[in-house]
């Protein structure tokens, strides 16, 4: 895809209310048109950037009491920015001026007591409360759908953003849930420590959001999910505050933390957590290998995942994904490998992984063993394919929004399955989603795949769909494609989501995946903790 001119950094930068990330980082009209020209059937000109002033933002249907008024705003810009997440369907609805129900109020509590007071008021007034972190949800997790409540309050936790305590000896910290990724790491850096959890949304998502959605990070093996870092949680519910003990491990019955991890604000509001930290890495090395045979590349990745090497990055891009990222131009699949350590060289481990990949037909490019200061997701390297992949990885959400302005479908979905199911699953998704896109739009689609996380017993395929949309009906078209994908995942016993959460968009697949007795218990927990049904209605359970 065409490149973009780097945008200047400034303390005055503002978030885009309608799309991903920073408002000044989106492709301009010319770049949107150039990208659209690569996909047959897109619009001749980009849709205009939407403005809040063009939305019908009505008067709030509720007012907070005087004791809470200083925490609450009803400004249209604030309300519109909290109306949706950042999925493709959210972006398109904003572009078409149909964002759905805009919250009546936005609250920004500064401590746990204020969270409890807001929940008490909302319960008395039948106001729905949608917990909100960075707003980067891509599964409909931060919006209200329906009309069962008198009003809707978006509960923005980002004013609770401090690292409250660091236990250097135990390598752990007590952190408020509203801390955005960069602010969290900035506060840990003076201690020489890091949480080492870097989702693609790192810059625009919070610790509480990661916990509430069981978020996956950038790293491909080892501690891949935020669950692995949790020592204890504090959660405010309408029934009281849950505070688990901080422990290295426990066998004392079902884990209270597991009840709230992944609960997406439906059972309570996570306010802080003790999390495990690591020393900041000082040694990093990376390399890439090309494969002419994607199935041979899958076998190489499985061999590496089942070794004791534990690469930080083990990302396999199929030929289409590699071309899209600029990592390959000859039809090869590309495997990106990376290792890091705080206390020892990693070049030997990288060399072992490269040799495993070579034994399955991989052709290595020049590897690097770069030593870099801690920070970010990786250090520097000399491998062009690795650099191209990293740049595309960070830029892709902005390009997706540019393609949406051209009327294209440009979206992703992810899953996980055991190794015995992976080849058939990938083939079925490519075939059936591609056929559905052709039937629905009359134009061929591109369905690419990459592996983002790998385990000894399976992997997490991540699919990218690029297709011409149906003008004015893009959301319904994508929903149709997502339903086809969900059916394929269910048939192959692949999870409806590996790290993007359930939200509202994945509810059909989640309802099929979870056991009936567990659903019964979850509904009972919802009734006990949220008896008035105000917390994020429609997420996980009805």
Protein backbone atom coordinates (compact mmCIF):
# COMPACT_ATOMS: atom_id res chain seq x y z
CA UNK A 1 0.00 0.00 0.00
CA UNK A 2 1.17 3.60 -0.51
CA UNK A 3 3.24 5.15 2.25
CA UNK A 4 2.37 8.26 4.20
CA UNK A 5 4.25 11.34 5.25
CA UNK A 6 5.23 11.07 8.94
CA UNK A 7 3.11 13.33 11.10
CA UNK A 8 4.72 15.72 13.59
CA UNK A 9 4.43 14.80 17.23
CA UNK A 10 2.86 17.30 19.58
CA UNK A 11 1.52 17.37 23.10
CA UNK A 12 -1.61 18.90 21.58
CA UNK A 13 -2.45 15.90 19.39
CA UNK A 14 -6.04 14.76 19.68
CA UNK A 15 -7.66 11.34 19.35
CA UNK A 16 -9.92 10.70 16.40
CA UNK A 17 -13.52 10.41 17.62
CA UNK A 18 -14.57 8.30 14.62
CA UNK A 19 -11.52 6.21 13.71
CA UNK A 20 -8.31 4.73 15.00
CA UNK A 21 -5.66 6.59 16.94
CA UNK A 22 -4.54 10.16 16.37
CA UNK A 23 -6.67 12.46 14.26
CA UNK A 24 -3.63 13.78 12.37
CA UNK A 25 -2.29 10.32 11.44
CA UNK A 26 -5.07 9.26 9.08
CA UNK A 27 -4.41 8.97 5.34
CA UNK A 28 -5.41 12.04 3.35
CA UNK A 29 -7.88 11.95 0.46
CA UNK A 30 -5.20 11.27 -2.16
CA UNK A 31 -3.79 8.30 -0.26
CA UNK A 32 -7.28 6.92 0.36
CA UNK A 33 -8.00 7.10 -3.37
CA UNK A 34 -4.68 5.41 -4.21
CA UNK A 35 -5.44 2.54 -1.80
CA UNK A 36 -8.98 2.21 -3.09
CA UNK A 37 -7.70 1.86 -6.64
CA UNK A 38 -6.04 -1.41 -5.59
CA UNK A 39 -9.41 -3.00 -4.78
CA UNK A 40 -11.86 -3.35 -7.70
CA UNK A 41 -15.36 -2.07 -7.03
CA UNK A 42 -14.57 0.65 -4.49
CA UNK A 43 -15.80 4.25 -4.61
CA UNK A 44 -14.40 6.82 -7.01
CA UNK A 45 -13.84 9.33 -4.20
CA UNK A 46 -13.40 8.89 -0.44
CA UNK A 47 -16.26 9.51 1.92
CA UNK A 48 -15.77 12.76 3.83
CA UNK A 49 -14.27 12.73 7.30
CA UNK A 50 -17.25 12.91 9.67
CA UNK A 51 -17.82 15.73 12.15
CA UNK A 52 -19.64 15.60 15.47
CA UNK A 53 -21.60 18.72 14.53
CA UNK A 54 -23.39 16.69 11.84
CA UNK A 55 -24.70 14.11 14.35
CA UNK A 56 -28.05 14.30 16.08
CA UNK A 57 -26.76 14.46 19.65
CA UNK A 58 -29.88 14.98 21.77
CA UNK A 59 -30.29 16.28 25.29
CA UNK A 60 -29.25 13.88 28.05
CA UNK A 61 -32.08 11.73 29.35
CA UNK A 62 -30.73 11.91 32.90
CA UNK A 63 -28.85 14.31 35.13
CA UNK A 64 -26.43 13.34 37.90
CA UNK A 65 -26.99 14.60 41.44
CA UNK A 66 -25.07 17.69 42.50
CA UNK A 67 -22.64 15.54 44.49
CA UNK A 68 -21.47 13.81 41.28
CA UNK A 69 -21.93 16.61 38.74
CA UNK A 70 -18.24 17.56 38.81
CA UNK A 71 -17.33 14.10 37.48
CA UNK A 72 -19.78 14.15 34.59
CA UNK A 73 -19.96 15.87 31.20
CA UNK A 74 -22.68 16.03 28.55
CA UNK A 75 -20.57 17.74 25.87
CA UNK A 76 -21.51 16.39 22.40
CA UNK A 77 -17.88 15.80 21.38
CA UNK A 78 -17.18 13.76 24.49
CA UNK A 79 -20.36 11.76 24.14
CA UNK A 80 -19.79 10.99 20.45
CA UNK A 81 -16.21 9.87 21.15
CA UNK A 82 -17.56 7.35 23.70
CA UNK A 83 -20.38 6.01 21.54
CA UNK A 84 -18.48 3.13 19.90
CA UNK A 85 -15.21 1.25 19.75
CA UNK A 86 -12.82 1.10 16.80
CA UNK A 87 -13.94 -1.91 14.77
CA UNK A 88 -14.50 -1.60 11.02
CA UNK A 89 -18.27 -1.56 11.56
CA UNK A 90 -17.86 1.29 14.06
CA UNK A 91 -15.78 3.33 11.64
CA UNK A 92 -18.29 2.82 8.82
CA UNK A 93 -21.23 3.77 11.02
CA UNK A 94 -19.45 7.00 11.94
CA UNK A 95 -18.64 7.72 8.29
CA UNK A 96 -22.29 7.17 7.38
CA UNK A 97 -23.54 9.27 10.29
CA UNK A 98 -25.17 6.29 12.03
CA UNK A 99 -23.18 5.74 15.24
CA UNK A 100 -26.05 4.17 17.16
CA UNK A 101 -27.14 5.27 20.61
CA UNK A 102 -24.82 7.98 21.87
CA UNK A 103 -24.33 7.94 25.66
CA UNK A 104 -26.20 10.60 27.54
CA UNK A 105 -23.31 11.31 29.90
CA UNK A 106 -19.60 10.62 30.28
CA UNK A 107 -18.15 10.29 33.78
CA UNK A 108 -14.48 10.33 34.77
CA UNK A 109 -14.10 9.17 38.37
CA UNK A 110 -10.77 9.74 40.08
CA UNK A 111 -10.97 7.06 42.75
CA UNK A 112 -12.79 3.90 43.79
CA UNK A 113 -15.27 5.71 46.04
CA UNK A 114 -16.47 7.83 43.13
CA UNK A 115 -16.90 4.70 40.99
CA UNK A 116 -19.10 3.18 43.70
CA UNK A 117 -21.12 6.39 44.07
CA UNK A 118 -21.75 6.55 40.32
CA UNK A 119 -22.90 2.92 40.27
CA UNK A 120 -25.23 3.55 43.21
CA UNK A 121 -26.81 6.51 41.45
CA UNK A 122 -27.09 4.66 38.14
CA UNK A 123 -28.79 1.71 39.83
CA UNK A 124 -31.37 3.92 41.49
CA UNK A 125 -32.13 5.75 38.24
CA UNK A 126 -31.98 2.74 35.86
CA UNK A 127 -29.08 4.24 33.96
CA UNK A 128 -26.96 1.74 32.00
CA UNK A 129 -23.23 1.99 32.78
CA UNK A 130 -20.70 1.07 30.10
CA UNK A 131 -17.15 0.89 31.51
CA UNK A 132 -14.68 2.52 29.13
CA UNK A 133 -10.87 2.47 29.03
CA UNK A 134 -9.10 3.57 25.87
CA UNK A 135 -12.11 2.82 23.65
CA UNK A 136 -10.15 0.52 21.34
CA UNK A 137 -12.69 -2.33 21.46
CA UNK A 138 -13.16 -4.10 18.12
CA UNK A 139 -16.05 -6.34 19.18
CA UNK A 140 -18.80 -3.95 20.23
CA UNK A 141 -17.76 -4.00 23.87
CA UNK A 142 -18.09 -0.31 24.77
CA UNK A 143 -21.39 0.69 23.21
CA UNK A 144 -24.99 0.41 24.34
CA UNK A 145 -27.51 -1.31 22.10
CA UNK A 146 -31.23 -1.36 22.77
CA UNK A 147 -33.63 0.82 24.71
CA UNK A 148 -34.24 -0.98 28.00
CA UNK A 149 -32.62 1.74 30.11
CA UNK A 150 -33.66 5.32 30.66
CA UNK A 151 -30.22 6.69 29.95
CA UNK A 152 -26.65 5.56 29.27
CA UNK A 153 -23.52 6.58 31.17
CA UNK A 154 -20.05 5.94 29.71
CA UNK A 155 -17.76 5.36 32.69
CA UNK A 156 -14.31 6.50 31.54
CA UNK A 157 -11.58 5.22 33.90
CA UNK A 158 -8.64 7.10 32.38
CA UNK A 159 -8.41 9.62 35.24
CA UNK A 160 -7.37 6.66 37.42
CA UNK A 161 -4.00 6.20 35.75
CA UNK A 162 -1.30 5.92 38.41
CA UNK A 163 1.18 3.26 39.42
CA UNK A 164 0.38 3.29 43.13
CA UNK A 165 3.06 0.99 44.48
CA UNK A 166 6.07 -0.96 43.20
CA UNK A 167 7.48 -4.03 44.92
CA UNK A 168 10.92 -4.20 43.30
CA UNK A 169 11.98 -7.29 45.24
CA UNK A 170 8.86 -9.19 44.18
CA UNK A 171 8.84 -7.58 40.72
CA UNK A 172 5.22 -6.48 40.93
CA UNK A 173 3.22 -3.25 40.96
CA UNK A 174 -0.20 -2.04 42.05
CA UNK A 175 -1.63 -0.04 39.17
CA UNK A 176 -4.91 1.78 38.63
CA UNK A 177 -7.07 0.38 35.85
CA UNK A 178 -7.27 3.56 33.77
CA UNK A 179 -3.55 3.72 32.99
CA UNK A 180 -2.94 3.77 29.25
CA UNK A 181 -0.09 1.61 28.00
CA UNK A 182 2.52 4.36 27.47
CA UNK A 183 1.77 6.06 30.81
CA UNK A 184 1.98 2.75 32.60
CA UNK A 185 5.38 1.93 31.10
CA UNK A 186 6.67 5.46 31.71
CA UNK A 187 5.96 5.07 35.42
CA UNK A 188 7.66 1.68 35.59
CA UNK A 189 10.74 2.69 33.59
CA UNK A 190 12.57 4.45 36.48
CA UNK A 191 12.44 1.13 38.35
CA UNK A 192 14.03 -0.75 35.44
CA UNK A 193 10.86 -2.83 35.13
CA UNK A 194 8.20 -3.46 32.51
CA UNK A 195 4.83 -5.18 32.34
CA UNK A 196 5.88 -6.40 28.87
CA UNK A 197 2.34 -6.46 27.54
CA UNK A 198 2.14 -4.75 24.16
CA UNK A 199 -1.10 -5.31 22.21
CA UNK A 200 -1.41 -3.53 18.88
CA UNK A 201 -3.68 -1.06 20.69
CA UNK A 202 -0.97 -0.42 23.34
CA UNK A 203 -0.93 3.34 22.79
CA UNK A 204 -4.71 3.63 23.07
CA UNK A 205 -5.79 1.01 25.60
CA UNK A 206 -5.67 0.66 29.38
CA UNK A 207 -4.67 -1.92 31.96
CA UNK A 208 -8.31 -2.25 33.01
CA UNK A 209 -9.37 -2.80 29.43
CA UNK A 210 -6.72 -5.49 28.98
CA UNK A 211 -7.92 -7.25 32.12
CA UNK A 212 -11.62 -6.95 31.33
CA UNK A 213 -11.10 -8.40 27.83
CA UNK A 214 -8.34 -10.94 28.58
CA UNK A 215 -6.23 -9.13 26.03
CA UNK A 216 -3.38 -10.78 24.17
CA UNK A 217 -0.09 -8.98 23.82
CA UNK A 218 2.45 -8.71 21.03
CA UNK A 219 4.59 -11.63 22.20
CA UNK A 220 4.04 -14.95 20.48
CA UNK A 221 4.99 -17.45 23.19
CA UNK A 222 5.28 -17.62 26.95
CA UNK A 223 3.07 -15.07 28.66
CA UNK A 224 0.81 -14.20 25.77
CA UNK A 225 -2.29 -12.98 27.64
CA UNK A 226 -2.75 -10.43 30.41
CA UNK A 227 -4.14 -13.25 32.60
CA UNK A 228 -0.57 -14.50 33.07
CA UNK A 229 0.50 -11.28 34.81
CA UNK A 230 -2.29 -10.93 37.40
CA UNK A 231 -1.61 -11.33 41.12
CA UNK A 232 -4.82 -9.75 42.42
CA UNK A 233 -7.71 -7.48 41.43
CA UNK A 234 -9.97 -4.89 43.01
CA UNK A 235 -13.40 -4.72 41.40
CA UNK A 236 -16.30 -2.43 42.33
CA UNK A 237 -19.71 -4.07 41.79
CA UNK A 238 -23.21 -2.88 42.68
CA UNK A 239 -23.15 -5.59 45.37
CA UNK A 240 -19.89 -4.42 46.94
CA UNK A 241 -16.14 -4.34 46.30
CA UNK A 242 -14.24 -7.54 45.55
CA UNK A 243 -10.58 -7.47 46.64
CA UNK A 244 -8.58 -10.65 46.13
CA UNK A 245 -5.37 -11.38 48.01
CA UNK A 246 -2.06 -10.72 46.39
CA UNK A 247 -0.43 -14.15 46.08
CA UNK A 248 2.19 -15.78 43.84
CA UNK A 249 -0.13 -18.79 43.47
CA UNK A 250 -3.04 -20.43 45.26
CA UNK A 251 -5.00 -23.65 45.18
CA UNK A 252 -7.82 -22.31 47.35
CA UNK A 253 -10.90 -23.14 45.32
CA UNK A 254 -12.03 -21.36 42.15
CA UNK A 255 -10.04 -18.17 41.56
CA UNK A 256 -11.95 -14.94 42.28
CA UNK A 257 -9.75 -13.15 39.74
CA UNK A 258 -10.81 -15.58 37.02
CA UNK A 259 -14.41 -14.51 37.54
CA UNK A 260 -13.61 -10.93 36.53
CA UNK A 261 -10.88 -11.48 33.94
CA UNK A 262 -12.70 -11.31 30.62
CA UNK A 263 -15.95 -10.15 32.22
CA UNK A 264 -15.96 -6.99 30.04
CA UNK A 265 -17.55 -4.79 32.69
CA UNK A 266 -20.69 -6.92 32.91
CA UNK A 267 -20.00 -8.06 36.49
CA UNK A 268 -18.10 -5.12 37.93
CA UNK A 269 -15.66 -2.30 37.28
CA UNK A 270 -12.00 -3.25 37.65
CA UNK A 271 -10.33 -0.35 39.48
CA UNK A 272 -6.80 -1.61 40.14
CA UNK A 273 -4.59 -4.68 40.00
CA UNK A 274 -1.33 -6.07 41.30
CA UNK A 275 0.55 -7.31 38.24
CA UNK A 276 3.79 -9.21 37.74
CA UNK A 277 6.64 -7.28 36.15
CA UNK A 278 9.91 -8.15 34.45
CA UNK A 279 13.28 -6.52 34.04
CA UNK A 280 13.51 -4.48 30.89
CA UNK A 281 15.18 -6.42 28.06
CA UNK A 282 18.69 -5.40 27.07
CA UNK A 283 19.43 -8.05 24.44
CA UNK A 284 17.32 -8.47 21.30
CA UNK A 285 17.83 -10.33 18.06
CA UNK A 286 15.57 -10.96 15.09
CA UNK A 287 15.54 -12.61 11.69
CA UNK A 288 13.14 -13.59 8.93
CA UNK A 289 12.84 -16.62 6.68
CA UNK A 290 10.96 -17.07 3.42
CA UNK A 291 8.99 -20.21 2.53
CA UNK A 292 7.71 -21.25 -0.86
CA UNK A 293 5.31 -23.73 0.77
CA UNK A 294 2.94 -22.37 3.42
CA UNK A 295 2.22 -25.82 4.87
CA UNK A 296 5.97 -26.39 5.33
CA UNK A 297 6.09 -23.05 7.12
CA UNK A 298 3.31 -24.21 9.46
CA UNK A 299 5.38 -27.29 10.30
CA UNK A 300 8.41 -25.08 10.99
CA UNK A 301 6.41 -22.92 13.35
CA UNK A 302 5.04 -25.96 15.17
CA UNK A 303 8.56 -27.30 15.63
CA UNK A 304 9.72 -23.98 17.08
CA UNK A 305 6.65 -23.74 19.36
CA UNK A 306 7.30 -27.24 20.68
CA UNK A 307 10.96 -26.55 21.38
CA UNK A 308 12.21 -24.90 24.58
CA UNK A 309 13.30 -21.75 22.76
CA UNK A 310 10.30 -19.49 23.55
CA UNK A 311 10.77 -16.73 20.97
CA UNK A 312 9.27 -13.35 21.76
CA UNK A 313 8.06 -13.14 18.19
CA UNK A 314 7.20 -16.09 15.96
CA UNK A 315 4.84 -14.59 13.42
CA UNK A 316 4.09 -16.41 10.19
CA UNK A 317 2.68 -14.34 7.30
CA UNK A 318 1.15 -16.12 4.32
CA UNK A 319 2.12 -14.86 0.86
CA UNK A 320 -0.71 -12.33 0.70
CA UNK A 321 -0.10 -10.97 4.16
CA UNK A 322 3.64 -10.78 3.54
CA UNK A 323 3.08 -8.82 0.34
CA UNK A 324 0.62 -6.50 2.10
CA UNK A 325 3.22 -5.79 4.79
CA UNK A 326 6.01 -5.30 2.26
CA UNK A 327 7.92 -8.25 3.76
CA UNK A 328 7.92 -10.30 0.55
CA UNK A 329 7.54 -9.55 -3.13
CA UNK A 330 7.97 -12.98 -4.72
CA UNK A 331 4.95 -14.90 -3.46
CA UNK A 332 6.73 -16.36 -0.45
CA UNK A 333 5.34 -16.76 3.03
CA UNK A 334 7.53 -15.08 5.66
CA UNK A 335 8.33 -16.16 9.21
CA UNK A 336 9.42 -13.32 11.51
CA UNK A 337 11.43 -14.46 14.54
CA UNK A 338 12.52 -12.40 17.52
CA UNK A 339 14.21 -13.10 20.84
CA UNK A 340 14.90 -10.90 23.84
CA UNK A 341 16.37 -11.15 27.33
CA UNK A 342 17.20 -8.92 30.25
CA UNK A 343 20.32 -10.79 31.30
CA UNK A 344 21.94 -12.71 28.48
CA UNK A 345 22.68 -12.81 24.77
CA UNK A 346 19.96 -14.34 22.63
CA UNK A 347 21.78 -14.90 19.36
CA UNK A 348 22.30 -18.61 20.07
CA UNK A 349 18.59 -19.17 20.62
CA UNK A 350 17.79 -17.23 17.46
CA UNK A 351 20.29 -19.39 15.58
CA UNK A 352 18.63 -22.59 16.83
CA UNK A 353 15.21 -21.34 15.74
CA UNK A 354 16.53 -20.36 12.33
CA UNK A 355 18.04 -23.84 11.90
CA UNK A 356 14.72 -25.46 12.84
CA UNK A 357 13.00 -23.33 10.22
CA UNK A 358 15.69 -24.12 7.64
CA UNK A 359 15.15 -27.83 8.21
CA UNK A 360 11.56 -27.31 7.00
CA UNK A 361 12.54 -25.40 3.87
CA UNK A 362 12.93 -21.85 5.20
CA UNK A 363 15.34 -19.52 3.42
CA UNK A 364 16.87 -17.06 5.94
CA UNK A 365 17.51 -13.42 5.28
CA UNK A 366 20.30 -11.59 7.09
CA UNK A 367 19.73 -11.87 10.84
CA UNK A 368 20.66 -9.27 13.37
CA UNK A 369 21.63 -9.41 16.99
CA UNK A 370 20.77 -5.91 18.02
CA UNK A 371 21.23 -4.69 21.54
CA UNK A 372 18.83 -1.91 22.37
CA UNK A 373 17.57 0.07 25.30
CA UNK A 374 14.34 -1.17 26.84
CA UNK A 375 11.09 0.29 25.63
CA UNK A 376 8.52 -0.28 22.92
CA UNK A 377 7.86 -3.69 21.51
CA UNK A 378 11.26 -4.49 20.01
CA UNK A 379 14.71 -3.08 19.52
CA UNK A 380 16.40 -2.24 16.24
CA UNK A 381 17.45 -4.80 13.65
CA UNK A 382 18.96 -5.04 10.20
CA UNK A 383 16.41 -7.38 8.62
CA UNK A 384 14.35 -5.55 5.98
CA UNK A 385 11.43 -7.98 6.21
CA UNK A 386 11.25 -7.57 9.98
CA UNK A 387 11.32 -3.76 9.66
CA UNK A 388 8.64 -3.82 6.97
CA UNK A 389 6.39 -6.08 9.03
CA UNK A 390 6.73 -3.93 12.14
CA UNK A 391 5.96 -0.72 10.28
CA UNK A 392 2.90 -2.26 8.62
CA UNK A 393 1.72 -3.73 11.93
CA UNK A 394 1.58 -0.31 13.57
CA UNK A 395 0.23 1.54 10.55
CA UNK A 396 -2.45 -0.93 9.45
CA UNK A 397 -5.39 0.35 11.56
CA UNK A 398 -5.02 3.80 10.00
CA UNK A 399 -4.92 2.30 6.49
CA UNK A 400 -8.02 0.26 7.31
CA UNK A 401 -9.90 3.48 8.07
CA UNK A 402 -8.69 4.99 4.80
CA UNK A 403 -10.02 1.98 2.91
CA UNK A 404 -13.33 2.28 4.76
CA UNK A 405 -13.60 5.83 3.41
CA UNK A 406 -13.34 4.27 -0.07
CA UNK A 407 -16.28 1.96 0.60
CA UNK A 408 -14.05 -1.10 0.97
CA UNK A 409 -14.34 -3.81 3.58
CA UNK A 410 -10.99 -3.91 5.37
CA UNK A 411 -11.18 -5.83 8.60
CA UNK A 412 -9.63 -8.64 10.60
CA UNK A 413 -10.71 -11.44 12.89
CA UNK A 414 -8.73 -13.96 14.90
CA UNK A 415 -9.12 -17.35 16.50
CA UNK A 416 -7.15 -20.25 17.96
CA UNK A 417 -7.25 -24.01 17.44
CA UNK A 418 -5.14 -27.10 18.00
CA UNK A 419 -2.42 -27.95 15.47
CA UNK A 420 -4.38 -30.85 13.97
CA UNK A 421 -7.13 -28.42 12.93
CA UNK A 422 -5.03 -25.45 11.81
CA UNK A 423 -4.39 -26.33 8.11
CA UNK A 424 -8.03 -27.25 7.40
CA UNK A 425 -9.31 -24.23 9.32
CA UNK A 426 -7.17 -21.76 7.38
CA UNK A 427 -8.12 -23.32 4.06
CA UNK A 428 -11.84 -23.28 4.89
CA UNK A 429 -11.82 -19.65 6.04
CA UNK A 430 -10.03 -18.49 2.89
CA UNK A 431 -12.40 -20.42 0.64
CA UNK A 432 -15.75 -19.76 2.29
CA UNK A 433 -15.25 -16.12 3.28
CA UNK A 434 -13.83 -15.41 -0.19
CA UNK A 435 -16.83 -17.03 -1.86
CA UNK A 436 -19.26 -15.12 0.36
CA UNK A 437 -17.57 -11.82 -0.46
CA UNK A 438 -17.71 -12.51 -4.20
CA UNK A 439 -21.37 -13.46 -3.98
CA UNK A 440 -22.27 -10.44 -1.86
CA UNK A 441 -20.41 -7.76 -3.76
CA UNK A 442 -19.79 -9.19 -7.23
CA UNK A 443 -16.04 -8.63 -6.81
CA UNK A 444 -13.30 -11.02 -5.69
CA UNK A 445 -11.93 -10.56 -2.20
CA UNK A 446 -8.52 -11.07 -0.66
CA UNK A 447 -8.42 -13.24 2.47
CA UNK A 448 -4.97 -13.37 4.04
CA UNK A 449 -3.75 -15.17 7.14
CA UNK A 450 -0.96 -14.81 9.67
CA UNK A 451 -0.18 -16.64 12.90
CA UNK A 452 0.16 -14.16 15.76
CA UNK A 453 0.65 -16.49 18.75
CA UNK A 454 1.92 -20.05 18.84
CA UNK A 455 1.71 -22.71 21.53
CA UNK A 456 3.02 -26.28 21.81
CA UNK A 457 -0.53 -27.54 21.23
CA UNK A 458 -1.88 -25.03 18.74
CA UNK A 459 -1.78 -21.57 17.20
CA UNK A 460 -3.78 -18.37 16.74
CA UNK A 461 -4.54 -17.59 13.06
CA UNK A 462 -5.38 -13.95 12.34
CA UNK A 463 -7.26 -13.24 9.10
CA UNK A 464 -7.40 -10.05 7.03
CA UNK A 465 -10.29 -9.51 4.61
CA UNK A 466 -10.06 -6.91 1.84
CA UNK A 467 -13.06 -6.57 -0.46
CA UNK A 468 -15.31 -4.11 -2.21
CA UNK A 469 -18.23 -3.22 0.02
CA UNK A 470 -21.85 -2.63 -0.79
CA UNK A 471 -22.20 1.19 -0.89
CA UNK A 472 -24.39 2.37 1.97
CA UNK A 473 -24.73 -1.20 3.24
CA UNK A 474 -21.17 -1.90 4.30
CA UNK A 475 -22.01 -2.85 7.89
CA UNK A 476 -24.57 -5.49 6.91
CA UNK A 477 -22.17 -6.87 4.30
CA UNK A 478 -19.40 -7.25 6.86
CA UNK A 479 -21.83 -8.81 9.33
CA UNK A 480 -22.70 -11.38 6.65
CA UNK A 481 -19.03 -12.20 6.09
CA UNK A 482 -18.40 -12.39 9.83
CA UNK A 483 -21.31 -14.82 10.20
CA UNK A 484 -19.79 -17.07 7.53
CA UNK A 485 -16.44 -16.91 9.32
CA UNK A 486 -18.10 -17.70 12.64
CA UNK A 487 -19.73 -20.77 11.16
CA UNK A 488 -16.37 -22.02 9.87
CA UNK A 489 -14.76 -21.47 13.26
CA UNK A 490 -17.54 -23.34 15.03
CA UNK A 491 -17.33 -26.32 12.65
CA UNK A 492 -13.59 -26.56 13.24
CA UNK A 493 -13.95 -26.11 17.02
CA UNK A 494 -11.88 -22.95 16.89
CA UNK A 495 -12.54 -20.22 19.43
CA UNK A 496 -14.68 -17.26 18.44
CA UNK A 497 -11.88 -14.99 19.67
CA UNK A 498 -8.32 -15.51 20.85
CA UNK A 499 -7.73 -11.99 22.17
CA UNK A 500 -10.32 -9.53 20.84
CA UNK A 501 -12.98 -10.29 23.49
CA UNK A 502 -16.64 -11.21 23.07
CA UNK A 503 -18.39 -7.85 23.28
CA UNK A 504 -21.69 -7.81 21.46
CA UNK A 505 -20.42 -8.75 18.02
CA UNK A 506 -19.11 -12.18 19.10
CA UNK A 507 -22.04 -13.13 21.30
CA UNK A 508 -23.53 -15.68 18.84
CA UNK A 509 -20.24 -17.58 18.62
CA UNK A 510 -19.59 -17.31 22.34
CA UNK A 511 -23.05 -18.65 23.17
CA UNK A 512 -22.29 -21.72 21.03
CA UNK A 513 -18.81 -22.20 22.46
CA UNK A 514 -19.45 -22.06 26.20
CA UNK A 515 -20.97 -25.06 28.06
CA UNK A 516 -24.60 -24.67 29.15
CA UNK A 517 -23.88 -25.19 32.88
CA UNK A 518 -21.25 -22.46 32.73
CA UNK A 519 -23.72 -20.10 31.04
CA UNK A 520 -26.17 -20.84 33.85
CA UNK A 521 -23.54 -20.00 36.47
CA UNK A 522 -22.51 -16.83 34.64
CA UNK A 523 -26.11 -15.59 34.52
CA UNK A 524 -26.41 -16.31 38.23
CA UNK A 525 -23.23 -14.33 38.94
CA UNK A 526 -24.58 -11.45 36.86
CA UNK A 527 -27.82 -11.48 38.83
CA UNK A 528 -26.03 -11.56 42.17
CA UNK A 529 -23.44 -8.86 41.44
CA UNK A 530 -25.58 -6.59 39.25
CA UNK A 531 -29.17 -7.17 40.39
CA UNK A 532 -30.52 -4.12 38.57
CA UNK A 533 -28.82 -5.09 35.30
CA UNK A 534 -27.07 -1.78 34.69
CA UNK A 535 -23.52 -2.95 33.90
CA UNK A 536 -22.71 -3.11 30.17
CA UNK A 537 -26.05 -4.71 29.23
CA UNK A 538 -25.88 -7.27 26.42
CA UNK A 539 -22.24 -8.22 26.94
CA UNK A 540 -21.59 -11.92 27.70
CA UNK A 541 -25.09 -12.55 29.10
CA UNK A 542 -28.58 -11.06 28.76
